[in-house]
Amino acid sequence: MKALFSFFLFLTISHTTLSQVKQLSPEDTPGKGKVDDLHWMVGYWAGPGLGGECEEVWMPAVDGHMVGTFRFWQDGKLVFSEFMNLVQEGESISMKLKHFSADLTGWEEKEEWTTFKLIEMTENKAWFDGLTIERKGGQLIFQVNISESGEPKIETFTYSKKSL
């Protein structure tokens, strides 16, 4: 009985944790939205994540593009960075990004990038396929579905707004 209870508790916790980040199935149509409506992301943000320190900078939208950068360092050493672009694609939005090692070696192939397609948006929250972004006052919270040793895991980044 105890094993059965533990199993159901695990399923409940797993479902709750994984439901924080939504998934878009191949037959689903991406959600509608405008890059300009993500103006609440603009700024310089910093906080802990991945066992180190993280920073993101988001610039205002221009011509259907909102460009951002990310960097992660641990023990005072840069581990990796990202170049991110929120792109208007018809009536929807995609976040396209490329990862770079500290020596600027790209993780993705030259013609490829990691893409998160919009599922839905509210005034201060956007759900992308595998990624949720939410603004709560002076905090910007990213929850991303990553795979660790083949197991799905939600990594949460809670940033505070900073001055440059």
N, C-alpha and C. Protein backbone atom coordinates (compact mmCIF):
# COMPACT_ATOMS: atom_id res chain seq x y z
N MET A 1 0.82 -1.19 0.00
CA MET A 1 0.00 0.00 0.00
C MET A 1 0.87 1.26 0.00
N LYS A 2 1.93 1.25 0.82
CA LYS A 2 2.83 2.40 0.90
C LYS A 2 3.50 2.64 -0.45
N ALA A 3 3.90 1.58 -1.13
CA ALA A 3 4.54 1.71 -2.45
C ALA A 3 3.56 2.30 -3.46
N LEU A 4 2.29 1.87 -3.40
CA LEU A 4 1.28 2.40 -4.31
C LEU A 4 1.05 3.89 -4.04
N PHE A 5 0.95 4.27 -2.76
CA PHE A 5 0.79 5.68 -2.41
C PHE A 5 1.98 6.51 -2.91
N SER A 6 3.20 6.00 -2.72
CA SER A 6 4.41 6.70 -3.18
C SER A 6 4.39 6.88 -4.70
N PHE A 7 3.93 5.85 -5.41
CA PHE A 7 3.85 5.93 -6.87
C PHE A 7 2.87 7.02 -7.30
N PHE A 8 1.67 7.05 -6.69
CA PHE A 8 0.69 8.08 -7.05
C PHE A 8 1.16 9.47 -6.66
N LEU A 9 1.85 9.60 -5.53
CA LEU A 9 2.41 10.88 -5.12
C LEU A 9 3.45 11.33 -6.14
N PHE A 10 4.30 10.43 -6.60
CA PHE A 10 5.30 10.74 -7.63
C PHE A 10 4.62 11.22 -8.91
N LEU A 11 3.57 10.51 -9.35
CA LEU A 11 2.85 10.91 -10.56
C LEU A 11 2.22 12.29 -10.41
N THR A 12 1.63 12.57 -9.26
CA THR A 12 1.00 13.87 -9.01
C THR A 12 2.04 14.98 -9.04
N ILE A 13 3.15 14.78 -8.35
CA ILE A 13 4.21 15.80 -8.33
C ILE A 13 4.79 15.97 -9.72
N SER A 14 5.05 14.87 -10.43
CA SER A 14 5.61 14.95 -11.78
C SER A 14 4.67 15.71 -12.70
N HIS A 15 3.36 15.40 -12.64
CA HIS A 15 2.39 16.07 -13.51
C HIS A 15 2.34 17.57 -13.19
N THR A 16 2.33 17.91 -11.91
CA THR A 16 2.27 19.32 -11.51
C THR A 16 3.51 20.05 -11.97
N THR A 17 4.68 19.46 -11.77
CA THR A 17 5.93 20.10 -12.17
C THR A 17 6.01 20.26 -13.68
N LEU A 18 5.70 19.22 -14.43
CA LEU A 18 5.83 19.29 -15.88
C LEU A 18 4.74 20.15 -16.51
N SER A 19 3.59 20.34 -15.82
CA SER A 19 2.53 21.14 -16.40
C SER A 19 2.85 22.64 -16.34
N GLN A 20 3.89 23.03 -15.60
CA GLN A 20 4.32 24.42 -15.56
C GLN A 20 4.82 24.86 -16.94
N VAL A 21 5.28 23.91 -17.72
CA VAL A 21 5.78 24.16 -19.06
C VAL A 21 4.92 23.33 -20.02
N LYS A 22 4.32 24.01 -20.98
CA LYS A 22 3.42 23.33 -21.91
C LYS A 22 4.19 22.82 -23.13
N GLN A 23 3.60 21.83 -23.78
CA GLN A 23 4.19 21.25 -24.99
C GLN A 23 3.22 21.43 -26.16
N LEU A 24 3.76 21.67 -27.32
CA LEU A 24 2.98 21.81 -28.55
C LEU A 24 3.14 20.52 -29.33
N SER A 25 2.05 19.81 -29.59
CA SER A 25 2.16 18.58 -30.37
C SER A 25 2.27 18.93 -31.86
N PRO A 26 2.83 18.03 -32.65
CA PRO A 26 3.07 18.33 -34.08
C PRO A 26 1.83 18.77 -34.86
N GLU A 27 0.65 18.27 -34.48
CA GLU A 27 -0.56 18.64 -35.22
C GLU A 27 -1.17 19.96 -34.72
N ASP A 28 -0.67 20.51 -33.60
CA ASP A 28 -1.19 21.77 -33.06
C ASP A 28 -0.69 22.98 -33.84
N THR A 29 -1.54 23.98 -33.96
CA THR A 29 -1.18 25.25 -34.58
C THR A 29 -0.59 26.15 -33.50
N PRO A 30 0.55 26.81 -33.77
CA PRO A 30 1.10 27.74 -32.77
C PRO A 30 0.08 28.82 -32.41
N GLY A 31 0.22 29.36 -31.19
CA GLY A 31 -0.68 30.39 -30.70
C GLY A 31 -0.43 31.73 -31.39
N LYS A 32 -1.40 32.63 -31.24
CA LYS A 32 -1.29 33.95 -31.84
C LYS A 32 -0.71 34.93 -30.83
N GLY A 33 0.08 35.87 -31.35
CA GLY A 33 0.66 36.89 -30.50
C GLY A 33 1.55 37.81 -31.29
N LYS A 34 1.90 38.93 -30.70
CA LYS A 34 2.77 39.93 -31.32
C LYS A 34 4.02 40.10 -30.45
N VAL A 35 5.17 40.18 -31.10
CA VAL A 35 6.43 40.39 -30.38
C VAL A 35 6.34 41.64 -29.51
N ASP A 36 5.73 42.70 -30.03
CA ASP A 36 5.60 43.95 -29.28
C ASP A 36 4.90 43.75 -27.94
N ASP A 37 4.03 42.74 -27.83
CA ASP A 37 3.31 42.49 -26.58
C ASP A 37 4.20 41.89 -25.49
N LEU A 38 5.45 41.55 -25.83
CA LEU A 38 6.39 41.02 -24.85
C LEU A 38 7.30 42.12 -24.29
N HIS A 39 6.87 43.38 -24.41
CA HIS A 39 7.65 44.53 -23.95
C HIS A 39 8.02 44.43 -22.47
N TRP A 40 7.28 43.66 -21.70
CA TRP A 40 7.54 43.48 -20.27
C TRP A 40 8.82 42.69 -19.99
N MET A 41 9.43 42.12 -21.03
CA MET A 41 10.70 41.40 -20.86
C MET A 41 11.91 42.32 -21.00
N VAL A 42 11.73 43.50 -21.57
CA VAL A 42 12.85 44.40 -21.86
C VAL A 42 13.58 44.76 -20.57
N GLY A 43 14.91 44.67 -20.60
CA GLY A 43 15.73 45.07 -19.47
C GLY A 43 16.89 44.13 -19.23
N TYR A 44 17.58 44.43 -18.16
CA TYR A 44 18.74 43.64 -17.73
C TYR A 44 18.31 42.85 -16.49
N TRP A 45 18.45 41.53 -16.55
CA TRP A 45 17.96 40.62 -15.53
C TRP A 45 19.09 39.71 -15.06
N ALA A 46 19.16 39.42 -13.76
CA ALA A 46 20.22 38.55 -13.24
C ALA A 46 19.69 37.71 -12.09
N GLY A 47 20.27 36.51 -11.94
CA GLY A 47 19.89 35.63 -10.83
C GLY A 47 20.57 34.28 -10.95
N PRO A 48 20.34 33.43 -9.96
CA PRO A 48 20.97 32.11 -9.97
C PRO A 48 20.29 31.15 -10.94
N GLY A 49 21.04 30.16 -11.37
CA GLY A 49 20.49 29.10 -12.22
C GLY A 49 21.57 28.11 -12.60
N LEU A 50 21.19 26.87 -12.78
CA LEU A 50 22.10 25.81 -13.21
C LEU A 50 23.30 25.63 -12.28
N GLY A 51 23.17 26.06 -11.03
CA GLY A 51 24.26 25.92 -10.08
C GLY A 51 25.30 27.02 -10.18
N GLY A 52 24.95 28.11 -10.87
CA GLY A 52 25.86 29.24 -11.00
C GLY A 52 25.08 30.53 -11.08
N GLU A 53 25.62 31.50 -11.81
CA GLU A 53 24.97 32.80 -11.99
C GLU A 53 24.60 33.00 -13.45
N CYS A 54 23.45 33.66 -13.66
CA CYS A 54 22.95 33.88 -15.02
C CYS A 54 22.57 35.35 -15.19
N GLU A 55 22.65 35.82 -16.43
CA GLU A 55 22.20 37.15 -16.79
C GLU A 55 21.51 37.08 -18.15
N GLU A 56 20.49 37.92 -18.32
CA GLU A 56 19.84 38.09 -19.62
C GLU A 56 19.63 39.58 -19.84
N VAL A 57 19.76 39.97 -21.09
CA VAL A 57 19.45 41.34 -21.50
C VAL A 57 18.51 41.23 -22.68
N TRP A 58 17.36 41.91 -22.59
CA TRP A 58 16.39 41.95 -23.69
C TRP A 58 16.22 43.37 -24.17
N MET A 59 16.38 43.59 -25.46
CA MET A 59 16.22 44.91 -26.06
C MET A 59 14.80 45.07 -26.59
N PRO A 60 14.32 46.32 -26.73
CA PRO A 60 12.97 46.54 -27.26
C PRO A 60 12.83 45.98 -28.68
N ALA A 61 11.61 45.63 -29.03
CA ALA A 61 11.31 45.07 -30.35
C ALA A 61 11.52 46.11 -31.44
N VAL A 62 12.07 45.64 -32.55
CA VAL A 62 12.23 46.45 -33.76
C VAL A 62 11.91 45.54 -34.94
N ASP A 63 10.99 45.97 -35.80
CA ASP A 63 10.67 45.25 -37.02
C ASP A 63 10.31 43.77 -36.78
N GLY A 64 9.53 43.52 -35.71
CA GLY A 64 9.10 42.15 -35.44
C GLY A 64 10.16 41.25 -34.85
N HIS A 65 11.23 41.84 -34.30
CA HIS A 65 12.31 41.07 -33.66
C HIS A 65 12.63 41.69 -32.31
N MET A 66 12.78 40.84 -31.30
CA MET A 66 13.22 41.28 -29.98
C MET A 66 14.43 40.43 -29.64
N VAL A 67 15.59 41.08 -29.58
CA VAL A 67 16.86 40.37 -29.44
C VAL A 67 17.31 40.37 -27.98
N GLY A 68 17.84 39.23 -27.55
CA GLY A 68 18.36 39.09 -26.20
C GLY A 68 19.63 38.27 -26.15
N THR A 69 20.36 38.43 -25.06
CA THR A 69 21.56 37.63 -24.83
C THR A 69 21.47 37.02 -23.43
N PHE A 70 22.16 35.91 -23.25
CA PHE A 70 22.19 35.19 -21.98
C PHE A 70 23.63 34.76 -21.74
N ARG A 71 24.04 34.81 -20.48
CA ARG A 71 25.33 34.20 -20.15
C ARG A 71 25.23 33.52 -18.81
N PHE A 72 25.98 32.41 -18.70
CA PHE A 72 26.03 31.60 -17.49
C PHE A 72 27.48 31.41 -17.10
N TRP A 73 27.77 31.71 -15.84
CA TRP A 73 29.11 31.46 -15.35
C TRP A 73 29.04 30.77 -14.00
N GLN A 74 30.11 30.04 -13.70
CA GLN A 74 30.19 29.28 -12.46
C GLN A 74 31.61 29.43 -11.92
N ASP A 75 31.72 29.71 -10.65
CA ASP A 75 33.02 29.90 -10.01
C ASP A 75 33.85 30.96 -10.74
N GLY A 76 33.19 32.02 -11.19
CA GLY A 76 33.89 33.12 -11.85
C GLY A 76 34.32 32.86 -13.28
N LYS A 77 33.90 31.74 -13.87
CA LYS A 77 34.30 31.39 -15.24
C LYS A 77 33.07 31.25 -16.13
N LEU A 78 33.14 31.87 -17.31
CA LEU A 78 32.05 31.75 -18.28
C LEU A 78 31.96 30.31 -18.76
N VAL A 79 30.75 29.76 -18.70
CA VAL A 79 30.52 28.38 -19.13
C VAL A 79 29.92 28.39 -20.54
N PHE A 80 28.84 29.15 -20.74
CA PHE A 80 28.26 29.28 -22.07
C PHE A 80 27.42 30.54 -22.16
N SER A 81 27.08 30.92 -23.39
CA SER A 81 26.21 32.07 -23.63
C SER A 81 25.22 31.71 -24.73
N GLU A 82 24.21 32.56 -24.90
CA GLU A 82 23.20 32.35 -25.93
C GLU A 82 22.89 33.67 -26.62
N PHE A 83 22.57 33.58 -27.89
CA PHE A 83 22.00 34.69 -28.64
C PHE A 83 20.57 34.30 -28.92
N MET A 84 19.61 35.16 -28.52
CA MET A 84 18.19 34.82 -28.63
C MET A 84 17.47 35.86 -29.48
N ASN A 85 16.45 35.41 -30.21
CA ASN A 85 15.67 36.31 -31.05
C ASN A 85 14.21 35.87 -31.00
N LEU A 86 13.36 36.74 -30.44
CA LEU A 86 11.92 36.52 -30.51
C LEU A 86 11.48 37.09 -31.85
N VAL A 87 10.91 36.25 -32.70
CA VAL A 87 10.64 36.60 -34.09
C VAL A 87 9.14 36.52 -34.37
N GLN A 88 8.61 37.57 -35.00
CA GLN A 88 7.22 37.56 -35.46
C GLN A 88 7.15 36.68 -36.70
N GLU A 89 6.31 35.66 -36.66
CA GLU A 89 6.14 34.74 -37.79
C GLU A 89 4.66 34.70 -38.14
N GLY A 90 4.23 35.61 -39.01
CA GLY A 90 2.81 35.73 -39.33
C GLY A 90 2.08 36.22 -38.11
N GLU A 91 1.08 35.45 -37.65
CA GLU A 91 0.30 35.83 -36.47
C GLU A 91 0.87 35.23 -35.19
N SER A 92 2.02 34.57 -35.26
CA SER A 92 2.60 33.91 -34.10
C SER A 92 4.02 34.42 -33.84
N ILE A 93 4.63 33.86 -32.81
CA ILE A 93 5.98 34.23 -32.39
C ILE A 93 6.77 32.94 -32.15
N SER A 94 8.05 32.98 -32.50
CA SER A 94 8.97 31.91 -32.11
C SER A 94 10.17 32.53 -31.43
N MET A 95 10.72 31.82 -30.45
CA MET A 95 12.01 32.20 -29.90
C MET A 95 13.04 31.29 -30.53
N LYS A 96 14.01 31.89 -31.20
CA LYS A 96 15.08 31.13 -31.81
C LYS A 96 16.37 31.51 -31.10
N LEU A 97 17.16 30.49 -30.75
CA LEU A 97 18.40 30.80 -30.05
C LEU A 97 19.53 29.87 -30.46
N LYS A 98 20.73 30.37 -30.25
CA LYS A 98 21.95 29.59 -30.47
C LYS A 98 22.78 29.65 -29.21
N HIS A 99 23.38 28.51 -28.86
CA HIS A 99 24.25 28.40 -27.70
C HIS A 99 25.71 28.47 -28.15
N PHE A 100 26.56 29.04 -27.28
CA PHE A 100 27.98 29.14 -27.57
C PHE A 100 28.78 28.79 -26.32
N SER A 101 29.82 27.97 -26.50
CA SER A 101 30.75 27.69 -25.40
C SER A 101 31.55 28.95 -25.11
N ALA A 102 32.30 28.94 -24.03
CA ALA A 102 33.08 30.12 -23.63
C ALA A 102 34.03 30.58 -24.74
N ASP A 103 34.50 29.65 -25.57
CA ASP A 103 35.42 30.02 -26.67
C ASP A 103 34.67 30.38 -27.96
N LEU A 104 33.33 30.56 -27.86
CA LEU A 104 32.42 30.91 -28.95
C LEU A 104 32.18 29.78 -29.95
N THR A 105 32.51 28.55 -29.59
CA THR A 105 32.16 27.40 -30.42
C THR A 105 30.66 27.21 -30.33
N GLY A 106 29.97 27.18 -31.48
CA GLY A 106 28.52 27.01 -31.49
C GLY A 106 28.11 25.59 -31.17
N TRP A 107 27.01 25.45 -30.45
CA TRP A 107 26.48 24.12 -30.13
C TRP A 107 25.62 23.60 -31.28
N GLU A 108 24.84 24.48 -31.90
CA GLU A 108 23.97 24.09 -33.00
C GLU A 108 24.77 24.19 -34.31
N GLU A 109 24.35 23.42 -35.30
CA GLU A 109 24.97 23.52 -36.62
C GLU A 109 24.73 24.92 -37.19
N LYS A 110 25.52 25.31 -38.16
CA LYS A 110 25.48 26.67 -38.72
C LYS A 110 24.08 27.10 -39.14
N GLU A 111 23.34 26.24 -39.80
CA GLU A 111 22.02 26.58 -40.32
C GLU A 111 20.88 26.18 -39.38
N GLU A 112 21.20 25.79 -38.15
CA GLU A 112 20.18 25.34 -37.21
C GLU A 112 20.18 26.19 -35.95
N TRP A 113 19.05 26.21 -35.25
CA TRP A 113 18.93 26.89 -33.96
C TRP A 113 17.90 26.14 -33.14
N THR A 114 17.91 26.39 -31.86
CA THR A 114 16.89 25.84 -30.97
C THR A 114 15.69 26.76 -31.07
N THR A 115 14.50 26.18 -31.29
CA THR A 115 13.30 26.99 -31.50
C THR A 115 12.21 26.61 -30.51
N PHE A 116 11.58 27.64 -29.94
CA PHE A 116 10.42 27.48 -29.05
C PHE A 116 9.26 28.23 -29.71
N LYS A 117 8.20 27.51 -30.10
CA LYS A 117 7.04 28.14 -30.75
C LYS A 117 6.00 28.53 -29.70
N LEU A 118 5.36 29.66 -29.93
CA LEU A 118 4.35 30.17 -29.01
C LEU A 118 3.15 29.23 -28.93
N ILE A 119 2.66 29.02 -27.70
CA ILE A 119 1.42 28.28 -27.48
C ILE A 119 0.31 29.27 -27.12
N GLU A 120 0.56 30.11 -26.12
CA GLU A 120 -0.42 31.14 -25.75
C GLU A 120 0.27 32.23 -24.94
N MET A 121 -0.41 33.39 -24.85
CA MET A 121 0.11 34.53 -24.10
C MET A 121 -1.00 35.17 -23.30
N THR A 122 -0.62 35.73 -22.14
CA THR A 122 -1.49 36.62 -21.38
C THR A 122 -0.71 37.92 -21.20
N GLU A 123 -1.21 38.80 -20.38
CA GLU A 123 -0.60 40.12 -20.23
C GLU A 123 0.86 40.07 -19.78
N ASN A 124 1.22 39.18 -18.86
CA ASN A 124 2.58 39.09 -18.33
C ASN A 124 3.15 37.67 -18.33
N LYS A 125 2.61 36.83 -19.20
CA LYS A 125 3.09 35.44 -19.24
C LYS A 125 2.97 34.90 -20.66
N ALA A 126 3.99 34.16 -21.07
CA ALA A 126 3.99 33.54 -22.40
C ALA A 126 4.42 32.08 -22.27
N TRP A 127 3.62 31.19 -22.86
CA TRP A 127 3.95 29.77 -22.91
C TRP A 127 4.42 29.45 -24.31
N PHE A 128 5.63 28.97 -24.40
CA PHE A 128 6.19 28.47 -25.65
C PHE A 128 6.31 26.96 -25.50
N ASP A 129 6.53 26.28 -26.60
CA ASP A 129 6.71 24.83 -26.58
C ASP A 129 7.97 24.48 -25.80
N GLY A 130 7.81 24.08 -24.53
CA GLY A 130 8.94 23.71 -23.69
C GLY A 130 9.52 24.85 -22.88
N LEU A 131 8.89 26.02 -22.89
CA LEU A 131 9.44 27.19 -22.19
C LEU A 131 8.30 28.10 -21.73
N THR A 132 8.35 28.54 -20.48
CA THR A 132 7.38 29.49 -19.96
C THR A 132 8.14 30.71 -19.44
N ILE A 133 7.66 31.91 -19.78
CA ILE A 133 8.27 33.16 -19.33
C ILE A 133 7.18 33.96 -18.64
N GLU A 134 7.48 34.45 -17.43
CA GLU A 134 6.49 35.21 -16.69
C GLU A 134 7.15 36.39 -15.98
N ARG A 135 6.48 37.53 -16.02
CA ARG A 135 6.92 38.72 -15.29
C ARG A 135 6.06 38.86 -14.05
N LYS A 136 6.70 38.91 -12.88
CA LYS A 136 6.02 39.15 -11.60
C LYS A 136 6.73 40.31 -10.94
N GLY A 137 6.18 41.52 -11.12
CA GLY A 137 6.80 42.71 -10.55
C GLY A 137 8.21 42.89 -11.08
N GLY A 138 9.18 42.94 -10.17
CA GLY A 138 10.59 43.12 -10.56
C GLY A 138 11.31 41.82 -10.84
N GLN A 139 10.56 40.75 -11.08
CA GLN A 139 11.17 39.46 -11.39
C GLN A 139 10.73 38.97 -12.76
N LEU A 140 11.65 38.30 -13.44
CA LEU A 140 11.36 37.62 -14.70
C LEU A 140 11.69 36.15 -14.46
N ILE A 141 10.70 35.29 -14.65
CA ILE A 141 10.85 33.87 -14.33
C ILE A 141 10.78 33.05 -15.61
N PHE A 142 11.83 32.28 -15.85
CA PHE A 142 11.88 31.37 -17.00
C PHE A 142 11.82 29.96 -16.45
N GLN A 143 10.96 29.13 -17.03
CA GLN A 143 10.92 27.70 -16.73
C GLN A 143 11.10 26.98 -18.05
N VAL A 144 12.13 26.16 -18.12
CA VAL A 144 12.43 25.49 -19.39
C VAL A 144 12.51 23.99 -19.16
N ASN A 145 11.93 23.25 -20.09
CA ASN A 145 11.94 21.80 -20.05
C ASN A 145 13.26 21.33 -20.64
N ILE A 146 14.11 20.74 -19.83
CA ILE A 146 15.38 20.22 -20.32
C ILE A 146 15.42 18.72 -20.06
N SER A 147 16.34 18.06 -20.70
CA SER A 147 16.50 16.63 -20.49
C SER A 147 17.85 16.41 -19.82
N GLU A 148 17.82 15.71 -18.70
CA GLU A 148 19.04 15.40 -17.97
C GLU A 148 19.16 13.89 -17.91
N SER A 149 20.15 13.36 -18.60
CA SER A 149 20.34 11.91 -18.70
C SER A 149 19.09 11.22 -19.22
N GLY A 150 18.42 11.86 -20.20
CA GLY A 150 17.23 11.28 -20.81
C GLY A 150 15.95 11.50 -20.04
N GLU A 151 16.03 12.08 -18.84
CA GLU A 151 14.85 12.32 -18.01
C GLU A 151 14.43 13.78 -18.14
N PRO A 152 13.12 14.05 -18.36
CA PRO A 152 12.66 15.43 -18.43
C PRO A 152 12.78 16.11 -17.07
N LYS A 153 13.16 17.38 -17.10
CA LYS A 153 13.34 18.16 -15.89
C LYS A 153 12.99 19.60 -16.19
N ILE A 154 12.34 20.28 -15.26
CA ILE A 154 12.04 21.69 -15.40
C ILE A 154 13.13 22.47 -14.67
N GLU A 155 13.85 23.31 -15.39
CA GLU A 155 14.85 24.19 -14.78
C GLU A 155 14.22 25.57 -14.67
N THR A 156 14.25 26.15 -13.47
CA THR A 156 13.65 27.46 -13.23
C THR A 156 14.74 28.49 -12.99
N PHE A 157 14.62 29.61 -13.69
CA PHE A 157 15.50 30.75 -13.53
C PHE A 157 14.65 31.90 -13.02
N THR A 158 14.97 32.43 -11.86
CA THR A 158 14.24 33.57 -11.30
C THR A 158 15.18 34.76 -11.28
N TYR A 159 14.95 35.69 -12.20
CA TYR A 159 15.82 36.85 -12.33
C TYR A 159 15.20 38.07 -11.66
N SER A 160 16.06 38.93 -11.17
CA SER A 160 15.64 40.24 -10.67
C SER A 160 16.12 41.29 -11.66
N LYS A 161 15.33 42.35 -11.79
CA LYS A 161 15.70 43.43 -12.71
C LYS A 161 16.85 44.21 -12.10
N LYS A 162 17.85 44.50 -12.91
CA LYS A 162 19.06 45.21 -12.48
C LYS A 162 19.29 46.42 -13.36
N SER A 163 20.12 47.33 -12.87
CA SER A 163 20.57 48.47 -13.66
C SER A 163 21.88 48.12 -14.33
N LEU A 164 22.08 48.65 -15.50
CA LEU A 164 23.38 48.42 -16.17
C LEU A 164 24.42 49.34 -15.61
